[in-house]
């Protein structure tokens, strides 16, 4: 029924039982070749949240399998990677079994597998684990071959007899996989420049409106969450995109626009610094002056004096 809470799946063994996946050889990690799954396993509908990381690389000859993540729905096509962190809600809604022609890989990774390894804290810093499903990674044929090769190497090590070196080797391969994903996302930001520059144009329009006196008075200084929500993309994806295209994060971009508006008021009006600070949405003028000096290396009053000579 609609509105039911997602099923909470604890442990990789729990997902294996729920979806009839091959039994995991290790309680904290599982590598699944999607081509080996039965039609029944792939076609049933379910909404869930897990306590482990979920990394997938999927290919479909027909885009008939829908995946829902948060509020977004996506029809997978060839060569697509997606990343989900523990605690995220997602669901699969498949079409008829005889229409599915799917291949690829699933890597299920419990955080405890990384215990005492440098990747344990580092994995939380990969922003793409917080991207929405519509921000999945689209792979070129060459990139797909690289990714599949890494999955095969992980599977080969996973299927071998576990020894004292196995965990370190597997973690090293996972870290390499994540490193390539980070590189490929940067490529995606650049090669999809028409779409992404459109997003930057929309961002500029939103900020221009957000910094009008009436909107500032009503809503205050826009936040990263506010802006990304209006653009229908996740905050991390927007910041990653902007860093690639402009060198600034979303927060820095907002601050740059704020300073631009402050300079306009300092040079074109006789408002006091305090009045300008309040007009720009600052509760405390000292905070405005501190930010202005951080960004320009001079105080608002010094800037006003210099601009009038």
Foldseek 3Di string as FASTA:
>chain_A
DPPDDAAEAEWPQSVCVVLVFPHAPDRFKRKGWVQPDDLSSQADKGKYFYQWKKKWWKAWPDQFKWKAWDHDIDRDHHGWMAIAHGPTIMMIHGDDSVRTDMTIMMMTGHLVLCPPPPVSVVVVVLLRNVWGPVLIQHDDPVLSVVLVVLSVVLVVLSPDDDDPCSSVVNVVSVVVNSVSVLVSSLVVLVVVVVVLVVLVVVLVVVLVVCQDLVNCVVPNQDDLCRSCVVSVIDSSSQQSSCCSVPVGGPVVVSLVSLLVVLLCCLAPHPDDLVVSCVSRRHPDSVVVQVSNCVVVVDGSVVSSVVNVD
